Structure formats: C-alpha cells, structure tokens
C-alpha cells in the first residue's frame, strides 16, 4: 500500500512479530507478504497475505513491481496499490513457537506486530535491503506518472 502526501510518496511497511524481531528496527520492516499455496496464483496470494497480515482488504489499481530475491533464496513478488489506513489498527494472524527456547512451552505471537507509513528516505533505513528495490521501482513509476516530483 502506498499513498502520496504533500507530493511525497509514503509506503506501508510491517514489522515482524515474535521474540526474534521484538527489539530490531533497521532491516526489520518488510512489505506485507507470505507463502504462495501450491495451486494459488502469485497475485491472488499477495492480496490474501496482505489482508491476513494487516486486516485491511487490498483494492484499487494494482501495479506490478516484479520480484526480488533475498540472500536466503526466497523470491518475493510484489504489487502496489494506492490506499490509506490507520496503521495502528492492524490485525495480524498469529503463529505458535516454543518460547523460551527448549522450555517446552508453546506461545502464540502475531506475524506482524506493527505497521507504519514511511517516506522513501525512512523506508531506506528501516526496510529489509533486498525489498527496498521494490520501493525504488514504485518510486520510479510514481515519478513517471507525475504523482511525485523527482528527488534531488
């Protein structure tokens, strides 16, 4: 999800939930994403995962941003759409894991513990490095469409 405020592009990023990510900031913010089911279309999966991770239904004109590959080998396919929401109202699905480690205790954690709109400059500092390329692509498209001016 992106929005344009005062001729500036802002992108919605999400922070991963759970104890591993709790105190991390730089590089710990991502575009909402998830696994594609075996017979599922990538675009359909992207919309489903966005809703599961944020509680907001994605709609509007979608822009394909292509794909990027994380160092670990995961390929992320992304689409952007213009929209707005109150990031403090996210409702994420949860996952279970043993916590603390080797304790035998299972705990539930939200997949996403918070969301926020960031300017391009802020997103560069906060987002996972591999995924910032997708944000760069969105910025170029918005400039080409005259939605925002070129950064100096």
C-alpha atoms as a PDB file:
ATOM      1  CA  UNK A   1       0.000   0.000   0.000  1.00  0.00           C
ATOM      2  CA  UNK A   2       1.261   3.447  -0.781  1.00  0.00           C
ATOM      3  CA  UNK A   3      -0.049   6.965  -0.501  1.00  0.00           C
ATOM      4  CA  UNK A   4       1.046  10.386  -1.699  1.00  0.00           C
ATOM      5  CA  UNK A   5       1.032  13.167   0.892  1.00  0.00           C
ATOM      6  CA  UNK A   6       2.232  16.687   0.048  1.00  0.00           C
ATOM      7  CA  UNK A   7       3.786  15.389  -3.199  1.00  0.00           C
ATOM      8  CA  UNK A   8       5.802  12.792  -1.252  1.00  0.00           C
ATOM      9  CA  UNK A   9       5.498   9.039  -1.602  1.00  0.00           C
ATOM     10  CA  UNK A  10       4.883   7.040   1.572  1.00  0.00           C
ATOM     11  CA  UNK A  11       4.857   3.234   1.724  1.00  0.00           C
ATOM     12  CA  UNK A  12       3.261   0.948   4.280  1.00  0.00           C
ATOM     13  CA  UNK A  13       5.760  -1.432   5.858  1.00  0.00           C
ATOM     14  CA  UNK A  14       5.164  -4.034   8.542  1.00  0.00           C
ATOM     15  CA  UNK A  15       7.371  -5.136  11.433  1.00  0.00           C
ATOM     16  CA  UNK A  16       7.612  -8.862  12.049  1.00  0.00           C
ATOM     17  CA  UNK A  17       6.219 -10.117  15.335  1.00  0.00           C
ATOM     18  CA  UNK A  18       7.690 -12.610  17.736  1.00  0.00           C
ATOM     19  CA  UNK A  19      10.610 -12.527  20.121  1.00  0.00           C
ATOM     20  CA  UNK A  20      13.379 -12.647  17.490  1.00  0.00           C
ATOM     21  CA  UNK A  21      12.311  -9.330  15.906  1.00  0.00           C
ATOM     22  CA  UNK A  22      11.000  -7.561  19.045  1.00  0.00           C
ATOM     23  CA  UNK A  23      13.978  -5.235  19.580  1.00  0.00           C
ATOM     24  CA  UNK A  24      15.130  -4.924  15.963  1.00  0.00           C
ATOM     25  CA  UNK A  25      14.389  -1.831  13.860  1.00  0.00           C
ATOM     26  CA  UNK A  26      16.827  -1.325  10.979  1.00  0.00           C
ATOM     27  CA  UNK A  27      16.233  -4.028   8.388  1.00  0.00           C
ATOM     28  CA  UNK A  28      13.268  -5.435  10.341  1.00  0.00           C
ATOM     29  CA  UNK A  29      10.488  -3.788   8.312  1.00  0.00           C
ATOM     30  CA  UNK A  30       9.079  -5.522   5.249  1.00  0.00           C
ATOM     31  CA  UNK A  31       6.356  -5.271   2.661  1.00  0.00           C
ATOM     32  CA  UNK A  32       3.440  -7.491   3.715  1.00  0.00           C
ATOM     33  CA  UNK A  33       3.988 -10.904   2.113  1.00  0.00           C
ATOM     34  CA  UNK A  34       3.763 -14.627   2.609  1.00  0.00           C
ATOM     35  CA  UNK A  35       3.754 -18.067   1.079  1.00  0.00           C
ATOM     36  CA  UNK A  36       2.005 -18.924  -2.167  1.00  0.00           C
ATOM     37  CA  UNK A  37      -0.191 -22.020  -1.839  1.00  0.00           C
ATOM     38  CA  UNK A  38       0.610 -24.857  -4.315  1.00  0.00           C
ATOM     39  CA  UNK A  39      -2.211 -24.119  -6.772  1.00  0.00           C
ATOM     40  CA  UNK A  40      -2.501 -20.395  -5.990  1.00  0.00           C
ATOM     41  CA  UNK A  41      -1.784 -17.521  -8.361  1.00  0.00           C
ATOM     42  CA  UNK A  42       1.019 -15.212  -7.080  1.00  0.00           C
ATOM     43  CA  UNK A  43      -1.168 -12.088  -7.381  1.00  0.00           C
ATOM     44  CA  UNK A  44      -4.038 -13.763  -5.507  1.00  0.00           C
ATOM     45  CA  UNK A  45      -1.579 -14.870  -2.812  1.00  0.00           C
ATOM     46  CA  UNK A  46      -0.218 -11.323  -2.473  1.00  0.00           C
ATOM     47  CA  UNK A  47      -3.709  -9.906  -1.888  1.00  0.00           C
ATOM     48  CA  UNK A  48      -4.608 -12.715   0.556  1.00  0.00           C
ATOM     49  CA  UNK A  49      -1.382 -12.316   2.528  1.00  0.00           C
ATOM     50  CA  UNK A  50      -1.761  -8.530   2.713  1.00  0.00           C
ATOM     51  CA  UNK A  51      -5.204  -8.972   4.267  1.00  0.00           C
ATOM     52  CA  UNK A  52      -4.057 -11.754   6.631  1.00  0.00           C
ATOM     53  CA  UNK A  53      -1.104  -9.704   7.868  1.00  0.00           C
ATOM     54  CA  UNK A  54      -2.816  -6.327   8.200  1.00  0.00           C
ATOM     55  CA  UNK A  55      -6.563  -6.955   8.430  1.00  0.00           C
ATOM     56  CA  UNK A  56      -7.096  -4.497   5.550  1.00  0.00           C
ATOM     57  CA  UNK A  57      -8.571  -5.628   2.237  1.00  0.00           C
ATOM     58  CA  UNK A  58      -6.367  -4.509  -0.663  1.00  0.00           C
ATOM     59  CA  UNK A  59      -8.249  -2.950  -3.563  1.00  0.00           C
ATOM     60  CA  UNK A  60      -7.766  -0.495  -6.393  1.00  0.00           C
ATOM     61  CA  UNK A  61      -5.448  -0.381  -9.350  1.00  0.00           C
ATOM     62  CA  UNK A  62      -2.545  -2.728  -8.736  1.00  0.00           C
ATOM     63  CA  UNK A  63       0.936  -2.036 -10.101  1.00  0.00           C
ATOM     64  CA  UNK A  64       3.273  -4.969 -10.658  1.00  0.00           C
ATOM     65  CA  UNK A  65       6.682  -4.281  -9.122  1.00  0.00           C
ATOM     66  CA  UNK A  66       8.242  -7.518 -10.329  1.00  0.00           C
ATOM     67  CA  UNK A  67      10.273  -9.654  -7.984  1.00  0.00           C
ATOM     68  CA  UNK A  68      13.426  -9.613  -5.867  1.00  0.00           C
ATOM     69  CA  UNK A  69      15.421 -12.389  -4.275  1.00  0.00           C
ATOM     70  CA  UNK A  70      16.513 -12.429  -0.624  1.00  0.00           C
ATOM     71  CA  UNK A  71      20.036 -13.654   0.213  1.00  0.00           C
ATOM     72  CA  UNK A  72      18.477 -16.798   1.686  1.00  0.00           C
ATOM     73  CA  UNK A  73      16.949 -17.635  -1.701  1.00  0.00           C
ATOM     74  CA  UNK A  74      13.326 -16.560  -1.096  1.00  0.00           C
ATOM     75  CA  UNK A  75      11.808 -14.797  -4.109  1.00  0.00           C
ATOM     76  CA  UNK A  76       9.316 -12.034  -3.343  1.00  0.00           C
ATOM     77  CA  UNK A  77       6.781 -10.974  -5.994  1.00  0.00           C
ATOM     78  CA  UNK A  78       5.110  -7.642  -5.259  1.00  0.00           C
ATOM     79  CA  UNK A  79       2.243  -5.440  -6.356  1.00  0.00           C
ATOM     80  CA  UNK A  80       1.482  -1.959  -5.108  1.00  0.00           C
ATOM     81  CA  UNK A  81      -1.822  -0.164  -4.756  1.00  0.00           C
ATOM     82  CA  UNK A  82      -2.719   3.315  -3.630  1.00  0.00           C
ATOM     83  CA  UNK A  83      -4.631   3.431  -0.384  1.00  0.00           C
ATOM     84  CA  UNK A  84      -4.717   4.703   3.147  1.00  0.00           C
ATOM     85  CA  UNK A  85      -5.356   3.175   6.539  1.00  0.00           C
ATOM     86  CA  UNK A  86      -4.688   3.655  10.211  1.00  0.00           C
ATOM     87  CA  UNK A  87      -1.573   1.511  10.737  1.00  0.00           C
ATOM     88  CA  UNK A  88      -2.282   1.272  14.461  1.00  0.00           C
ATOM     89  CA  UNK A  89      -5.436  -0.706  13.579  1.00  0.00           C
ATOM     90  CA  UNK A  90      -3.694  -3.700  12.001  1.00  0.00           C
ATOM     91  CA  UNK A  91      -4.979  -7.153  12.878  1.00  0.00           C
ATOM     92  CA  UNK A  92      -2.497  -9.869  12.016  1.00  0.00           C
ATOM     93  CA  UNK A  93      -2.779 -13.624  12.011  1.00  0.00           C
ATOM     94  CA  UNK A  94      -0.634 -15.485  14.572  1.00  0.00           C
ATOM     95  CA  UNK A  95       1.916 -18.277  14.724  1.00  0.00           C
ATOM     96  CA  UNK A  96       2.981 -20.639  17.520  1.00  0.00           C
ATOM     97  CA  UNK A  97       6.509 -21.414  18.600  1.00  0.00           C
ATOM     98  CA  UNK A  98       8.336 -22.807  21.572  1.00  0.00           C
ATOM     99  CA  UNK A  99       9.305 -19.874  23.782  1.00  0.00           C
ATOM    100  CA  UNK A 100      11.588 -19.543  25.592  1.00  0.00           C
ATOM    101  CA  UNK A 101      13.758 -21.955  23.583  1.00  0.00           C
ATOM    102  CA  UNK A 102      13.916 -25.527  24.923  1.00  0.00           C
ATOM    103  CA  UNK A 103      11.304 -24.695  27.578  1.00  0.00           C
ATOM    104  CA  UNK A 104       8.602 -26.971  26.182  1.00  0.00           C
ATOM    105  CA  UNK A 105       6.173 -24.033  26.354  1.00  0.00           C
ATOM    106  CA  UNK A 106       4.307 -23.016  23.201  1.00  0.00           C
ATOM    107  CA  UNK A 107       3.320 -19.376  22.804  1.00  0.00           C
ATOM    108  CA  UNK A 108       1.317 -17.545  20.134  1.00  0.00           C
ATOM    109  CA  UNK A 109       2.717 -14.390  18.545  1.00  0.00           C
ATOM    110  CA  UNK A 110       1.312 -12.067  15.881  1.00  0.00           C
ATOM    111  CA  UNK A 111       3.014 -12.454  12.492  1.00  0.00           C
ATOM    112  CA  UNK A 112       3.059  -8.659  12.330  1.00  0.00           C
ATOM    113  CA  UNK A 113       3.262  -6.590  15.499  1.00  0.00           C
ATOM    114  CA  UNK A 114       3.020  -3.134  13.935  1.00  0.00           C
ATOM    115  CA  UNK A 115       2.741  -1.240  10.682  1.00  0.00           C
ATOM    116  CA  UNK A 116       3.673   2.270   9.643  1.00  0.00           C
ATOM    117  CA  UNK A 117       3.809   4.535   6.610  1.00  0.00           C
ATOM    118  CA  UNK A 118       7.350   5.645   5.805  1.00  0.00           C
ATOM    119  CA  UNK A 119       8.788   8.199   3.410  1.00  0.00           C
ATOM    120  CA  UNK A 120      11.267   6.805   0.874  1.00  0.00           C
ATOM    121  CA  UNK A 121      14.173   8.062   2.968  1.00  0.00           C
ATOM    122  CA  UNK A 122      12.796   6.436   6.132  1.00  0.00           C
ATOM    123  CA  UNK A 123      11.985   3.213   4.275  1.00  0.00           C
ATOM    124  CA  UNK A 124      15.569   3.002   3.012  1.00  0.00           C
ATOM    125  CA  UNK A 125      16.808   2.986   6.634  1.00  0.00           C
ATOM    126  CA  UNK A 126      14.104   0.681   8.039  1.00  0.00           C
ATOM    127  CA  UNK A 127      13.285  -1.853   5.325  1.00  0.00           C
ATOM    128  CA  UNK A 128      14.979  -5.125   4.566  1.00  0.00           C
ATOM    129  CA  UNK A 129      17.697  -4.353   1.999  1.00  0.00           C
ATOM    130  CA  UNK A 130      16.501  -6.852  -0.627  1.00  0.00           C
ATOM    131  CA  UNK A 131      12.990  -5.436  -0.565  1.00  0.00           C
ATOM    132  CA  UNK A 132      13.990  -1.798  -0.875  1.00  0.00           C
ATOM    133  CA  UNK A 133      14.478  -2.414  -4.611  1.00  0.00           C
ATOM    134  CA  UNK A 134      10.698  -2.882  -4.850  1.00  0.00           C
ATOM    135  CA  UNK A 135      10.153   0.506  -3.189  1.00  0.00           C
ATOM    136  CA  UNK A 136      12.655   2.084  -5.594  1.00  0.00           C
ATOM    137  CA  UNK A 137      10.668   0.655  -8.504  1.00  0.00           C
ATOM    138  CA  UNK A 138       7.434   2.080  -7.112  1.00  0.00           C
ATOM    139  CA  UNK A 139       9.049   5.483  -6.700  1.00  0.00           C
ATOM    140  CA  UNK A 140      10.231   5.461 -10.344  1.00  0.00           C
ATOM    141  CA  UNK A 141       6.719   4.560 -11.526  1.00  0.00           C
ATOM    142  CA  UNK A 142       5.159   7.343  -9.437  1.00  0.00           C
ATOM    143  CA  UNK A 143       7.662   9.852 -10.870  1.00  0.00           C
ATOM    144  CA  UNK A 144       6.939   8.675 -14.447  1.00  0.00           C
ATOM    145  CA  UNK A 145       3.190   9.055 -13.812  1.00  0.00           C
ATOM    146  CA  UNK A 146       3.689  12.581 -12.443  1.00  0.00           C
ATOM    147  CA  UNK A 147       2.364  11.652  -8.986  1.00  0.00           C
ATOM    148  CA  UNK A 148       5.527  12.871  -7.241  1.00  0.00           C
ATOM    149  CA  UNK A 149       8.489  15.010  -8.284  1.00  0.00           C
ATOM    150  CA  UNK A 150      11.957  13.544  -8.793  1.00  0.00           C
ATOM    151  CA  UNK A 151      14.020  13.623  -5.593  1.00  0.00           C
ATOM    152  CA  UNK A 152      17.013  15.932  -5.636  1.00  0.00           C
END
